[in-house]
Amino acid sequence: MASNSLWAQQANAKEADSLTENSKQSKKRNVAILIHNGVEILDFAGPSEVFASTEGFNVYTVSLTKEPIISQGFIKITPSYSLTDCPKPDIVVLPGGDTGPFIKNKLLIDWIKQSATQAEVLLSVCTGAGLLAKAGLLDGKQATTFHSYIEPLQRATPKAEILANTRFVDNGQIITTAGVSAGIDGALHVVSKLKGLGIAQQTARYMEYDKWKPEEGLVVEHK
């Protein structure tokens, strides 16, 4: 009887471990896509498409408030959340566009800093890198951005090295991309990093995005 009881305990333990592992695998990562007045359409739409088309991600938009924002002068979007009620993100996407006024917004910069203490990945697209720089998250790192913003960002961030002709730069938690369509490449890289190259390739194939070349990015090795 004792051996049967031990066997039952071991079987129950294995079943519990299996359920725990399945739960971990099925848990969706929260992906917060920041939007703001003047945000570049493809900067946020490209990564949104990637994550929303890949199993395992819960994608939502977040802005300073829940008031509608205007993208590039003609698309009105109502954010899902404001900074104050946004679910805790595992991945934060910071698109570019007219980011100048928002780099000076203390509430937003503080939210980015706070998110960086817990999120797996912060991904900037285009001039969204300026938000990471203002939060001090590019110091000591290599990064990239929209081609016409490289010199201004370098001047604003002397402790970082801003690279030209680089589709994306992966520093581990902090990933920056070049402009506009490069956000798609960066998001696919994040999918590859978290879920495997095969899954990322399936997403790219679904999107019929033939441009993606993983080797065009720089992955910084940390010692």
Protein backbone atom coordinates (compact mmCIF):
# COMPACT_ATOMS: atom_id res chain seq x y z
CA MET A 1 0.00 0.00 0.00
CA ALA A 2 2.86 2.35 0.90
CA SER A 3 4.48 1.94 -2.52
CA ASN A 4 1.14 2.58 -4.25
CA SER A 5 0.70 5.72 -2.16
CA LEU A 6 4.20 6.91 -3.09
CA TRP A 7 3.53 6.22 -6.77
CA ALA A 8 0.30 8.24 -6.56
CA GLN A 9 2.13 11.15 -4.93
CA GLN A 10 4.81 11.11 -7.62
CA ALA A 11 2.17 10.94 -10.37
CA ASN A 12 0.29 13.87 -8.84
CA ALA A 13 3.52 15.86 -8.55
CA LYS A 14 4.36 15.21 -12.22
CA GLU A 15 0.86 16.23 -13.25
CA ALA A 16 1.13 19.44 -11.22
CA ASP A 17 4.51 20.22 -12.79
CA SER A 18 3.05 19.60 -16.24
CA LEU A 19 0.10 21.89 -15.56
CA THR A 20 2.45 24.59 -14.27
CA GLU A 21 4.63 24.33 -17.35
CA ASN A 22 1.62 24.44 -19.67
CA SER A 23 0.34 27.48 -17.80
CA LYS A 24 3.67 29.25 -18.28
CA GLN A 25 3.66 28.45 -21.98
CA SER A 26 0.07 29.57 -22.48
CA LYS A 27 0.45 32.87 -20.59
CA LYS A 28 0.22 35.74 -23.02
CA ARG A 29 2.75 38.54 -22.87
CA ASN A 30 1.23 42.01 -22.63
CA VAL A 31 2.38 44.28 -25.46
CA ALA A 32 1.76 48.00 -24.82
CA ILE A 33 1.89 50.08 -28.01
CA LEU A 34 2.34 53.76 -27.15
CA ILE A 35 0.40 56.13 -29.38
CA HIS A 36 0.32 59.93 -29.31
CA ASN A 37 -0.69 62.84 -31.49
CA GLY A 38 1.50 62.86 -34.57
CA VAL A 39 2.61 59.24 -34.23
CA GLU A 40 3.83 57.74 -37.51
CA ILE A 41 1.26 55.23 -38.82
CA LEU A 42 3.59 52.40 -39.80
CA ASP A 43 5.76 52.93 -36.71
CA PHE A 44 2.99 51.58 -34.51
CA ALA A 45 0.90 49.64 -37.05
CA GLY A 46 3.83 47.48 -38.22
CA PRO A 47 4.79 46.10 -34.77
CA SER A 48 1.09 45.89 -33.86
CA GLU A 49 0.51 43.63 -36.86
CA VAL A 50 3.47 41.44 -35.96
CA PHE A 51 2.50 40.87 -32.34
CA ALA A 52 -1.24 40.60 -33.01
CA SER A 53 -0.57 38.01 -35.74
CA THR A 54 1.58 35.85 -33.44
CA GLU A 55 0.10 33.55 -30.83
CA GLY A 56 1.01 34.36 -27.25
CA PHE A 57 0.74 38.15 -27.22
CA ASN A 58 -1.99 40.41 -25.82
CA VAL A 59 -1.67 43.68 -27.75
CA TYR A 60 -3.19 47.00 -26.72
CA THR A 61 -2.65 50.72 -27.24
CA VAL A 62 -1.79 53.17 -24.48
CA SER A 63 -1.54 56.95 -24.45
CA LEU A 64 -1.25 59.82 -22.00
CA THR A 65 -5.04 59.80 -21.64
CA LYS A 66 -7.93 57.91 -23.22
CA GLU A 67 -8.76 60.86 -25.45
CA PRO A 68 -8.52 60.05 -29.20
CA ILE A 69 -5.22 60.87 -30.87
CA ILE A 70 -4.54 61.78 -34.49
CA SER A 71 -1.90 59.92 -36.48
CA GLN A 72 -0.30 61.86 -39.33
CA GLY A 73 -3.12 64.33 -39.51
CA PHE A 74 -5.97 62.10 -40.64
CA ILE A 75 -6.37 58.86 -38.64
CA LYS A 76 -8.23 59.13 -35.34
CA ILE A 77 -7.50 56.39 -32.80
CA THR A 78 -8.99 55.91 -29.36
CA PRO A 79 -6.38 54.39 -27.00
CA SER A 80 -7.29 51.24 -25.10
CA TYR A 81 -5.69 52.57 -21.91
CA SER A 82 -4.10 55.62 -20.37
CA LEU A 83 -0.75 55.57 -18.60
CA THR A 84 -2.56 55.45 -15.26
CA ASP A 85 -4.68 52.34 -15.89
CA CYS A 86 -2.53 50.44 -18.38
CA PRO A 87 -1.96 46.74 -17.55
CA LYS A 88 1.62 45.95 -16.63
CA PRO A 89 3.43 45.47 -19.97
CA ASP A 90 5.90 42.70 -20.73
CA ILE A 91 6.83 44.46 -23.98
CA VAL A 92 6.66 48.21 -24.60
CA VAL A 93 6.70 49.60 -28.16
CA LEU A 94 7.67 53.27 -28.51
CA PRO A 95 6.92 54.48 -32.06
CA GLY A 96 8.20 57.72 -33.55
CA GLY A 97 6.71 60.58 -35.49
CA ASP A 98 6.18 63.90 -33.75
CA THR A 99 7.88 62.82 -30.51
CA GLY A 100 9.36 66.23 -29.63
CA PRO A 101 6.58 67.38 -27.28
CA PHE A 102 6.41 64.00 -25.57
CA ILE A 103 10.13 63.76 -24.80
CA LYS A 104 9.45 66.64 -22.40
CA ASN A 105 6.48 64.92 -20.74
CA LYS A 106 7.57 63.86 -17.26
CA LEU A 107 4.61 61.53 -16.70
CA LEU A 108 5.44 59.61 -19.87
CA ILE A 109 9.16 59.42 -19.19
CA ASP A 110 8.53 58.24 -15.64
CA TRP A 111 6.16 55.56 -17.01
CA ILE A 112 8.87 54.37 -19.40
CA LYS A 113 11.41 54.25 -16.57
CA GLN A 114 8.99 52.30 -14.39
CA SER A 115 8.14 49.90 -17.20
CA ALA A 116 11.85 49.23 -17.70
CA THR A 117 12.11 47.86 -14.17
CA GLN A 118 9.81 44.94 -15.03
CA ALA A 119 9.32 44.60 -18.79
CA GLU A 120 11.20 42.00 -20.82
CA VAL A 121 11.66 44.27 -23.83
CA LEU A 122 11.40 47.95 -24.68
CA LEU A 123 11.34 48.41 -28.45
CA SER A 124 11.68 51.85 -30.04
CA VAL A 125 10.89 52.62 -33.66
CA CYS A 126 12.23 55.62 -35.55
CA THR A 127 12.40 58.76 -33.36
CA GLY A 128 10.84 56.81 -30.49
CA ALA A 129 14.48 56.19 -29.51
CA GLY A 130 14.45 59.75 -28.20
CA LEU A 131 12.03 58.66 -25.48
CA LEU A 132 14.41 55.89 -24.40
CA ALA A 133 17.27 58.39 -24.42
CA LYS A 134 15.36 60.85 -22.24
CA ALA A 135 14.65 58.03 -19.78
CA GLY A 136 18.41 57.33 -19.61
CA LEU A 137 18.00 53.87 -21.11
CA LEU A 138 20.43 54.33 -24.01
CA ASP A 139 23.41 55.45 -21.93
CA GLY A 140 26.39 53.16 -22.50
CA LYS A 141 24.63 51.37 -25.34
CA GLN A 142 24.65 51.24 -29.12
CA ALA A 143 21.39 52.21 -30.77
CA THR A 144 19.85 53.25 -34.05
CA THR A 145 16.99 55.44 -35.25
CA PHE A 146 15.48 57.16 -38.29
CA HIS A 147 18.27 58.26 -40.66
CA SER A 148 17.65 62.00 -40.31
CA TYR A 149 17.48 61.72 -36.50
CA ILE A 150 20.82 59.98 -36.02
CA GLU A 151 22.90 63.14 -35.52
CA PRO A 152 20.36 64.93 -33.27
CA LEU A 153 19.98 61.82 -31.12
CA GLN A 154 23.75 61.43 -30.89
CA ARG A 155 24.10 65.03 -29.70
CA ALA A 156 21.31 64.53 -27.17
CA THR A 157 22.77 61.22 -25.97
CA PRO A 158 26.57 61.58 -25.81
CA LYS A 159 26.91 58.45 -23.65
CA ALA A 160 25.40 56.27 -26.40
CA GLU A 161 26.69 55.32 -29.86
CA ILE A 162 24.01 55.93 -32.49
CA LEU A 163 24.56 53.77 -35.57
CA ALA A 164 23.61 54.51 -39.17
CA ASN A 165 22.68 51.91 -41.79
CA THR A 166 21.53 49.42 -39.17
CA ARG A 167 18.04 47.97 -39.27
CA PHE A 168 17.87 47.26 -35.54
CA VAL A 169 20.16 47.07 -32.50
CA ASP A 170 19.46 44.54 -29.75
CA ASN A 171 21.02 45.38 -26.36
CA GLY A 172 19.08 42.72 -24.52
CA GLN A 173 16.11 44.43 -22.89
CA ILE A 174 16.49 47.60 -25.00
CA ILE A 175 15.98 47.23 -28.75
CA THR A 176 16.01 50.17 -31.16
CA THR A 177 15.15 50.19 -34.86
CA ALA A 178 15.63 52.49 -37.81
CA GLY A 179 12.67 54.37 -39.25
CA VAL A 180 9.11 53.51 -40.20
CA SER A 181 9.08 50.01 -41.80
CA ALA A 182 12.08 48.93 -39.70
CA GLY A 183 9.70 48.57 -36.77
CA ILE A 184 8.36 45.45 -38.46
CA ASP A 185 11.87 43.98 -38.52
CA GLY A 186 12.40 44.89 -34.87
CA ALA A 187 9.13 43.31 -33.81
CA LEU A 188 9.88 40.14 -35.79
CA HIS A 189 13.27 40.04 -34.08
CA VAL A 190 11.55 40.24 -30.69
CA VAL A 191 9.24 37.36 -31.68
CA SER A 192 12.27 35.35 -32.80
CA LYS A 193 14.08 36.15 -29.56
CA LEU A 194 11.17 35.15 -27.32
CA LYS A 195 9.44 32.37 -29.30
CA GLY A 196 12.00 31.14 -31.83
CA LEU A 197 13.04 31.90 -35.38
CA GLY A 198 10.51 29.48 -36.86
CA ILE A 199 7.57 31.29 -35.25
CA ALA A 200 8.89 34.66 -36.45
CA GLN A 201 9.27 33.29 -39.98
CA GLN A 202 5.67 32.02 -39.88
CA THR A 203 4.49 35.51 -38.90
CA ALA A 204 6.55 37.15 -41.65
CA ARG A 205 5.12 34.66 -44.16
CA TYR A 206 1.57 35.37 -43.01
CA MET A 207 2.21 39.10 -43.44
CA GLU A 208 3.87 38.44 -46.81
CA TYR A 209 6.75 40.55 -45.54
CA ASP A 210 9.64 39.40 -47.71
CA LYS A 211 11.90 42.26 -46.66
CA TRP A 212 12.84 40.79 -43.29
CA LYS A 213 16.48 39.77 -43.11
CA PRO A 214 17.45 38.96 -39.51
CA GLU A 215 21.15 39.41 -40.27
CA GLU A 216 20.62 43.10 -41.08
CA GLY A 217 20.37 43.86 -37.37
CA LEU A 218 23.05 44.07 -34.69
CA VAL A 219 22.80 41.91 -31.59
CA VAL A 220 25.18 43.26 -28.95
CA GLU A 221 26.87 40.50 -27.00
CA HIS A 222 27.16 41.17 -23.28
CA LYS A 223 30.05 39.68 -21.38
